[in-house]
Amino acid sequence: MTTTLAHPAARLIDRVDEIGPDIARHAAEHDVHGTFVVESFDALKAAGLLKAAVPIELGGDGATIGEIAGLQRQIAHYCGSTALASAMHQHVVAFTAWRYRRGLPGAEATLRRVANEQILLVSTGGGDWTHPKGDATKVDGGYLVSGHKRFASQSVAGAVMSTMFCYDDPEQGKRVLNMAVPFASPGVTIADNWNTFGMRGTASNDVILDNVFVPDERVLANRPYGVVDGPLQVIGSIAMPIIAGAYLGVAEAARDAAVASVGARAQDPLIQRQVGLMNHKLQVAGWALAGALSEVGDDPGPSMDTLFAAMTAKSEIARAGFEVCDLAMEVASGGAYFRGSIIERALRDVRAAKFHPFTPEETLLRAGKFALGVD
């Protein structure tokens, strides 16, 4: 008899549910104080979930982009901040795995560190995208970089920052250099300034770089400035479904809490309609994510069509999330209005979905321009 072994990533959701109650137990406290969800990340490390996207042969689970999106969605049922902060690590790992499959320099070494040491990777891509905040100057053996990076999630615990800088190339003109910068590098400072409306446990503090030396071998890409070029299309296609999964999970958590609060009011036709509408919105948003993941696949290539599929799903999830969390507060009534309520926290957390590129409105604008052939 032949025995078929399950793929290592098959138990990701089960592993989340095993540690989920511990993650949820600390969520409210970190939300109140605006402190990093350190216990949650300790639990994720203990469960081996931060190395889920590392290829099996390098010591990880070999999880696909879709499996990682599902992982972040499930984590968000317990804590939105934990889901979003770890999503920023997960999408960098997934893109590094994409680079590893193409034999690109530095990828294997980074993935082995994620697997063996469970280091955290930090991304500044959301704040940089096509117009990075900071400049690079060429020096012998590398570059000196300076800049002020915002929304660097889990920066207080990060080991390496995946970031970008502008460079005035004497031959090519203004360029964007993607770089890997260790947080231990001289000249790197993490500000203690994360005090926000929602996602308060992500520790997405500003990072200031002042004449930080980056050797040539840590330059991962040299791209045109202000353009959504091929590498950025791939990065966005991988990152956005993973990030969107976290926000979908936040909205689902709000719905679940609202339904659990109904009790005897289940016979009220208004409550029935509102719950039905929440389920409707979440179902459509889930279909959008599934459709985008189908377009992205396991190993996406550069494609604006694929990128727009991912961005469209994120936009749909953002809009649905806002409405579902508002409805959840109406269904749960006044008790949900108090601080400490799962619904109140979800209502604030889900608002952050608007700030990732592309914003919902920018998604519509860019998609229309692309369809019309407007440069």
Protein backbone atom coordinates (compact mmCIF):
# COMPACT_ATOMS: atom_id res chain seq x y z
CA MET A 1 0.00 0.00 0.00
CA THR A 2 1.28 3.46 -0.90
CA THR A 3 1.00 6.17 1.72
CA THR A 4 0.72 9.77 0.52
CA LEU A 5 2.20 12.28 2.94
CA ALA A 6 0.29 15.50 3.45
CA HIS A 7 1.94 18.71 2.28
CA PRO A 8 3.59 20.39 5.33
CA ALA A 9 1.49 23.53 4.78
CA ALA A 10 -1.77 21.58 5.11
CA ARG A 11 -1.88 22.09 8.89
CA LEU A 12 -1.23 25.84 8.90
CA ILE A 13 -4.80 26.72 9.91
CA ASP A 14 -4.81 24.05 12.63
CA ARG A 15 -1.60 25.47 14.01
CA VAL A 16 -3.13 28.95 14.11
CA ASP A 17 -6.18 27.67 15.98
CA GLU A 18 -3.94 25.97 18.54
CA ILE A 19 -2.25 29.26 19.46
CA GLY A 20 -5.20 31.54 18.60
CA PRO A 21 -6.67 31.84 22.11
CA ASP A 22 -3.28 32.97 23.44
CA ILE A 23 -3.01 35.54 20.65
CA ALA A 24 -6.53 36.82 21.35
CA ARG A 25 -5.87 37.08 25.10
CA HIS A 26 -3.28 39.85 24.61
CA ALA A 27 -4.93 41.72 21.72
CA ALA A 28 -6.99 44.20 23.74
CA GLU A 29 -4.12 45.17 26.05
CA HIS A 30 -1.78 45.97 23.17
CA ASP A 31 -4.54 47.90 21.42
CA VAL A 32 -5.08 50.09 24.49
CA HIS A 33 -1.40 50.83 25.02
CA GLY A 34 -0.31 50.87 21.37
CA THR A 35 2.42 48.32 22.09
CA PHE A 36 3.81 45.55 19.91
CA VAL A 37 2.03 42.20 20.04
CA VAL A 38 5.18 40.47 21.23
CA GLU A 39 3.42 37.46 22.80
CA SER A 40 1.69 36.77 19.50
CA PHE A 41 4.96 36.76 17.59
CA ASP A 42 6.50 34.47 20.20
CA ALA A 43 3.58 32.11 19.62
CA LEU A 44 3.93 32.35 15.82
CA LYS A 45 7.62 31.50 16.11
CA ALA A 46 6.96 28.59 18.46
CA ALA A 47 4.43 27.21 15.97
CA GLY A 48 6.90 27.68 13.09
CA LEU A 49 4.44 29.87 11.23
CA LEU A 50 6.87 32.67 10.38
CA LYS A 51 8.80 30.28 8.13
CA ALA A 52 5.70 28.90 6.40
CA ALA A 53 6.59 30.39 2.99
CA VAL A 54 10.20 29.17 3.07
CA PRO A 55 10.70 26.31 0.57
CA ILE A 56 10.68 22.83 2.11
CA GLU A 57 14.24 22.07 1.07
CA LEU A 58 15.43 25.14 3.01
CA GLY A 59 13.58 24.23 6.22
CA GLY A 60 10.13 25.78 5.79
CA ASP A 61 6.63 24.57 4.94
CA GLY A 62 6.73 25.50 1.26
CA ALA A 63 3.38 27.30 1.61
CA THR A 64 1.94 28.89 -1.53
CA ILE A 65 0.78 32.50 -1.80
CA GLY A 66 -2.80 31.32 -1.41
CA GLU A 67 -1.97 29.29 1.69
CA ILE A 68 -0.21 32.27 3.26
CA ALA A 69 -3.22 34.50 2.49
CA GLY A 70 -5.42 31.93 4.23
CA LEU A 71 -3.01 31.79 7.15
CA GLN A 72 -3.16 35.56 7.68
CA ARG A 73 -6.94 35.52 7.31
CA GLN A 74 -7.20 32.97 10.12
CA ILE A 75 -4.77 34.82 12.40
CA ALA A 76 -6.95 37.94 12.04
CA HIS A 77 -9.87 36.06 13.61
CA TYR A 78 -7.86 36.32 16.84
CA CYS A 79 -5.97 39.62 16.43
CA GLY A 80 -5.91 42.04 13.51
CA SER A 81 -2.61 43.64 14.49
CA THR A 82 -0.88 40.27 14.66
CA ALA A 83 -2.27 39.30 11.26
CA LEU A 84 -1.29 42.53 9.51
CA ALA A 85 2.17 42.84 11.08
CA SER A 86 3.08 39.23 10.28
CA ALA A 87 1.64 39.63 6.76
CA MET A 88 4.35 42.21 6.12
CA HIS A 89 6.97 39.61 7.00
CA GLN A 90 5.20 36.83 5.12
CA HIS A 91 4.95 38.64 1.79
CA VAL A 92 8.66 39.53 1.86
CA VAL A 93 9.48 35.87 2.55
CA ALA A 94 7.17 34.78 -0.28
CA PHE A 95 8.84 37.21 -2.70
CA THR A 96 12.27 36.07 -1.53
CA ALA A 97 11.17 32.49 -2.30
CA TRP A 98 10.18 33.73 -5.78
CA ARG A 99 13.71 35.15 -6.16
CA TYR A 100 15.22 31.91 -4.86
CA ARG A 101 13.43 29.88 -7.54
CA ARG A 102 15.18 32.07 -10.11
CA GLY A 103 18.60 31.72 -8.54
CA LEU A 104 18.84 35.41 -7.66
CA PRO A 105 21.61 36.46 -5.27
CA GLY A 106 21.05 36.54 -1.53
CA ALA A 107 17.68 34.79 -1.59
CA GLU A 108 18.77 31.40 -0.32
CA ALA A 109 20.83 32.83 2.54
CA THR A 110 17.92 35.00 3.70
CA LEU A 111 15.43 32.12 3.54
CA ARG A 112 17.76 29.88 5.52
CA ARG A 113 17.99 32.55 8.23
CA VAL A 114 14.19 32.80 8.33
CA ALA A 115 13.94 29.01 8.68
CA ASN A 116 16.77 28.47 11.15
CA GLU A 117 16.77 31.67 13.18
CA GLN A 118 13.17 32.76 12.50
CA ILE A 119 14.31 36.32 11.87
CA LEU A 120 11.66 38.91 11.03
CA LEU A 121 11.76 40.70 7.70
CA VAL A 122 10.35 44.23 7.54
CA SER A 123 8.97 45.90 4.43
CA THR A 124 8.72 49.62 3.66
CA GLY A 125 7.18 48.99 0.24
CA GLY A 126 3.78 50.40 1.11
CA GLY A 127 5.27 53.78 1.93
CA ASP A 128 7.80 53.70 -0.91
CA TRP A 129 6.18 51.92 -3.88
CA THR A 130 7.02 53.93 -7.02
CA HIS A 131 8.36 57.06 -5.25
CA PRO A 132 10.65 56.01 -2.38
CA LYS A 133 11.33 58.26 0.58
CA GLY A 134 15.12 58.55 0.63
CA ASP A 135 18.21 58.80 -1.53
CA ALA A 136 21.28 56.70 -2.32
CA THR A 137 24.77 57.97 -3.11
CA LYS A 138 27.32 55.73 -4.83
CA VAL A 139 30.53 55.06 -2.91
CA ASP A 140 33.26 52.42 -3.19
CA GLY A 141 31.74 48.97 -2.74
CA GLY A 142 28.15 50.11 -2.35
CA TYR A 143 25.92 53.04 -1.45
CA LEU A 144 25.26 55.46 1.38
CA VAL A 145 21.52 55.76 1.95
CA SER A 146 19.47 58.24 3.94
CA GLY A 147 15.73 58.53 4.34
CA HIS A 148 12.69 58.50 6.59
CA LYS A 149 10.52 55.38 6.23
CA ARG A 150 6.97 55.17 7.53
CA PHE A 151 4.65 52.23 8.29
CA ALA A 152 7.50 49.78 8.97
CA SER A 153 5.47 47.10 10.74
CA GLN A 154 7.10 45.05 13.54
CA SER A 155 10.19 47.25 13.16
CA VAL A 156 10.98 46.92 16.88
CA ALA A 157 11.58 43.19 16.36
CA GLY A 158 12.87 43.17 12.78
CA ALA A 159 16.25 41.89 11.66
CA VAL A 160 16.40 43.02 8.02
CA MET A 161 14.50 45.76 6.23
CA SER A 162 13.42 45.34 2.60
CA THR A 163 13.37 48.94 1.41
CA MET A 164 13.94 51.29 -1.53
CA PHE A 165 15.92 54.47 -2.29
CA CYS A 166 16.15 56.90 -5.18
CA TYR A 167 19.42 57.03 -7.08
CA ASP A 168 20.47 59.53 -9.75
CA ASP A 169 22.34 57.31 -12.16
CA PRO A 170 24.68 59.34 -14.43
CA GLU A 171 23.68 57.23 -17.44
CA GLN A 172 20.14 55.99 -16.77
CA GLY A 173 18.75 58.98 -14.89
CA LYS A 174 16.62 58.67 -11.76
CA ARG A 175 16.32 55.07 -10.59
CA VAL A 176 14.88 53.09 -7.67
CA LEU A 177 17.20 50.69 -5.84
CA ASN A 178 15.62 47.86 -3.84
CA MET A 179 17.89 47.03 -0.90
CA ALA A 180 18.19 44.74 2.11
CA VAL A 181 19.32 46.75 5.14
CA PRO A 182 20.01 45.07 8.53
CA PHE A 183 18.53 46.98 11.44
CA ALA A 184 21.86 46.57 13.23
CA SER A 185 23.57 48.75 10.62
CA PRO A 186 25.14 51.96 12.00
CA GLY A 187 22.89 54.90 11.22
CA VAL A 188 19.55 53.05 11.53
CA THR A 189 17.17 54.44 14.18
CA ILE A 190 13.67 53.21 15.03
CA ALA A 191 11.35 55.98 16.22
CA ASP A 192 8.85 55.30 19.00
CA ASN A 193 5.97 57.10 17.31
CA TRP A 194 3.30 54.54 16.43
CA ASN A 195 0.14 56.06 17.98
CA THR A 196 -2.73 55.49 15.59
CA PHE A 197 -6.46 55.01 15.25
CA GLY A 198 -6.26 51.28 14.51
CA MET A 199 -3.83 48.38 14.06
CA ARG A 200 -2.19 49.75 17.18
CA GLY A 201 -0.30 46.57 18.03
CA THR A 202 1.68 46.37 14.78
CA ALA A 203 4.55 48.61 15.99
CA SER A 204 4.70 50.21 12.54
CA ASN A 205 7.12 52.86 13.74
CA ASP A 206 9.08 55.19 11.49
CA VAL A 207 12.62 54.13 10.65
CA ILE A 208 15.26 56.80 10.03
CA LEU A 209 18.39 56.00 8.04
CA ASP A 210 21.30 58.45 8.15
CA ASN A 211 24.25 57.70 5.82
CA VAL A 212 23.82 53.95 6.19
CA PHE A 213 26.29 51.92 4.13
CA VAL A 214 24.72 49.23 1.94
CA PRO A 215 27.16 46.98 0.03
CA ASP A 216 26.57 46.29 -3.64
CA GLU A 217 25.54 42.68 -2.95
CA ARG A 218 22.56 43.87 -0.93
CA VAL A 219 21.09 45.78 -3.88
CA LEU A 220 18.29 43.48 -5.04
CA ALA A 221 16.93 45.47 -7.98
CA ASN A 222 17.64 48.59 -10.06
CA ARG A 223 14.33 49.90 -11.40
CA PRO A 224 12.93 52.94 -13.21
CA TYR A 225 11.60 55.71 -10.98
CA GLY A 226 7.86 56.37 -10.81
CA VAL A 227 6.91 53.27 -12.82
CA VAL A 228 5.04 50.10 -11.84
CA ASP A 229 7.62 47.99 -13.62
CA GLY A 230 7.96 44.20 -13.83
CA PRO A 231 9.56 43.56 -10.41
CA LEU A 232 7.03 45.82 -8.70
CA GLN A 233 4.19 44.06 -10.52
CA VAL A 234 5.41 40.76 -9.08
CA ILE A 235 5.88 42.20 -5.58
CA GLY A 236 2.37 43.67 -5.62
CA SER A 237 0.82 40.50 -7.01
CA ILE A 238 2.34 38.48 -4.17
CA ALA A 239 1.90 40.98 -1.34
CA MET A 240 -1.62 42.26 -1.85
CA PRO A 241 -3.55 38.97 -1.53
CA ILE A 242 -1.62 38.18 1.66
CA ILE A 243 -2.35 41.63 3.12
CA ALA A 244 -5.98 41.50 1.93
CA GLY A 245 -6.41 38.14 3.65
CA ALA A 246 -5.63 39.79 6.98
CA TYR A 247 -8.31 42.45 6.48
CA LEU A 248 -10.89 39.90 5.37
CA GLY A 249 -10.22 37.99 8.59
CA VAL A 250 -10.72 41.17 10.64
CA ALA A 251 -14.15 41.71 9.07
CA GLU A 252 -15.07 38.06 9.60
CA ALA A 253 -14.14 38.35 13.28
CA ALA A 254 -16.47 41.35 13.63
CA ARG A 255 -19.30 39.41 11.97
CA ASP A 256 -18.74 36.41 14.22
CA ALA A 257 -18.77 38.57 17.36
CA ALA A 258 -21.96 40.30 16.23
CA VAL A 259 -23.76 37.02 15.53
CA ALA A 260 -22.67 35.65 18.91
CA SER A 261 -24.25 38.67 20.62
CA VAL A 262 -27.72 38.36 19.06
CA GLY A 263 -29.33 35.84 21.40
CA ALA A 264 -33.12 36.21 21.57
CA ARG A 265 -33.04 39.05 19.03
CA ALA A 266 -32.53 36.43 16.29
CA GLN A 267 -36.28 36.66 15.59
CA ASP A 268 -36.02 40.37 14.71
CA PRO A 269 -36.34 40.80 10.91
CA LEU A 270 -33.96 43.79 10.96
CA ILE A 271 -31.27 41.74 12.69
CA GLN A 272 -31.84 38.91 10.22
CA ARG A 273 -31.39 41.28 7.27
CA GLN A 274 -28.26 42.87 8.71
CA VAL A 275 -26.65 39.49 9.38
CA GLY A 276 -27.63 38.38 5.89
CA LEU A 277 -26.03 41.50 4.42
CA MET A 278 -22.81 40.94 6.38
CA ASN A 279 -22.63 37.38 5.08
CA HIS A 280 -23.35 38.58 1.56
CA LYS A 281 -20.55 41.15 1.65
CA LEU A 282 -18.07 38.70 3.12
CA GLN A 283 -18.98 36.01 0.60
CA VAL A 284 -18.38 38.34 -2.34
CA ALA A 285 -15.14 39.62 -0.80
CA GLY A 286 -14.00 36.03 -0.30
CA TRP A 287 -14.78 35.27 -3.94
CA ALA A 288 -12.74 38.32 -4.96
CA LEU A 289 -9.75 37.07 -2.99
CA ALA A 290 -10.10 33.54 -4.38
CA GLY A 291 -10.34 34.94 -7.91
CA ALA A 292 -7.24 37.07 -7.44
CA LEU A 293 -5.30 34.13 -6.03
CA SER A 294 -6.33 32.08 -9.05
CA GLU A 295 -4.90 34.79 -11.31
CA VAL A 296 -1.72 35.14 -9.24
CA GLY A 297 -1.07 31.39 -8.99
CA ASP A 298 1.89 29.91 -7.15
CA ASP A 299 4.66 31.62 -9.13
CA PRO A 300 3.48 34.83 -10.82
CA GLY A 301 5.38 36.61 -13.55
CA PRO A 302 5.31 40.34 -14.31
CA SER A 303 1.78 41.26 -15.41
CA MET A 304 -0.37 44.34 -14.98
CA ASP A 305 -3.47 42.15 -15.39
CA THR A 306 -2.37 40.01 -12.46
CA LEU A 307 -1.50 43.04 -10.39
CA PHE A 308 -4.91 44.61 -11.04
CA ALA A 309 -6.61 41.35 -10.06
CA ALA A 310 -4.79 41.48 -6.71
CA MET A 311 -5.51 45.19 -6.24
CA THR A 312 -9.18 44.75 -7.16
CA ALA A 313 -9.56 42.03 -4.53
CA LYS A 314 -7.92 44.21 -1.90
CA SER A 315 -10.20 47.12 -2.83
CA GLU A 316 -13.30 44.93 -2.64
CA ILE A 317 -12.24 43.55 0.74
CA ALA A 318 -11.57 47.06 2.06
CA ARG A 319 -14.99 48.35 1.02
CA ALA A 320 -16.74 45.22 2.30
CA GLY A 321 -14.78 45.37 5.55
CA PHE A 322 -15.88 48.92 6.30
CA GLU A 323 -19.55 48.05 5.78
CA VAL A 324 -19.42 44.73 7.61
CA CYS A 325 -17.76 46.22 10.70
CA ASP A 326 -20.32 49.07 10.76
CA LEU A 327 -23.15 46.54 10.46
CA ALA A 328 -21.61 44.38 13.17
CA MET A 329 -21.69 47.30 15.59
CA GLU A 330 -25.37 47.93 14.78
CA VAL A 331 -26.24 44.26 15.26
CA ALA A 332 -24.36 43.98 18.55
CA SER A 333 -25.84 47.29 19.72
CA GLY A 334 -24.40 49.59 22.39
CA GLY A 335 -22.10 47.06 24.02
CA ALA A 336 -19.95 47.01 20.89
CA TYR A 337 -19.35 50.75 21.19
CA PHE A 338 -17.20 50.31 24.30
CA ARG A 339 -13.41 50.08 24.13
CA GLY A 340 -12.31 46.49 24.52
CA SER A 341 -15.06 45.16 22.27
CA ILE A 342 -13.84 42.91 19.45
CA ILE A 343 -16.15 44.76 17.09
CA GLU A 344 -14.98 48.22 18.15
CA ARG A 345 -11.37 47.19 17.60
CA ALA A 346 -12.16 45.57 14.25
CA LEU A 347 -14.01 48.69 13.10
CA ARG A 348 -10.86 50.73 13.69
CA ASP A 349 -8.41 48.11 12.44
CA VAL A 350 -10.13 47.55 9.11
CA ARG A 351 -9.84 51.26 8.23
CA ALA A 352 -6.12 50.80 7.64
CA ALA A 353 -6.95 48.83 4.48
CA LYS A 354 -7.32 52.12 2.62
CA PHE A 355 -3.70 53.15 3.05
CA HIS A 356 -1.94 50.33 1.22
CA PRO A 357 -1.14 50.97 -2.43
CA PHE A 358 -3.17 51.14 -4.46
CA THR A 359 -5.95 52.83 -2.46
CA PRO A 360 -9.47 51.78 -3.52
CA GLU A 361 -9.97 54.99 -5.52
CA GLU A 362 -6.51 54.79 -7.10
CA THR A 363 -7.25 51.20 -8.08
CA LEU A 364 -10.28 52.36 -10.06
CA LEU A 365 -8.35 55.21 -11.69
CA ARG A 366 -5.36 53.09 -12.70
CA ALA A 367 -7.54 50.22 -13.91
CA GLY A 368 -9.51 52.63 -16.08
CA LYS A 369 -6.38 54.19 -17.53
CA PHE A 370 -4.93 50.75 -18.23
CA ALA A 371 -8.12 49.60 -19.96
CA LEU A 372 -8.23 52.77 -22.06
CA GLY A 373 -4.59 52.60 -23.03
CA VAL A 374 -3.79 55.89 -21.32
CA ASP A 375 -0.13 56.16 -20.33
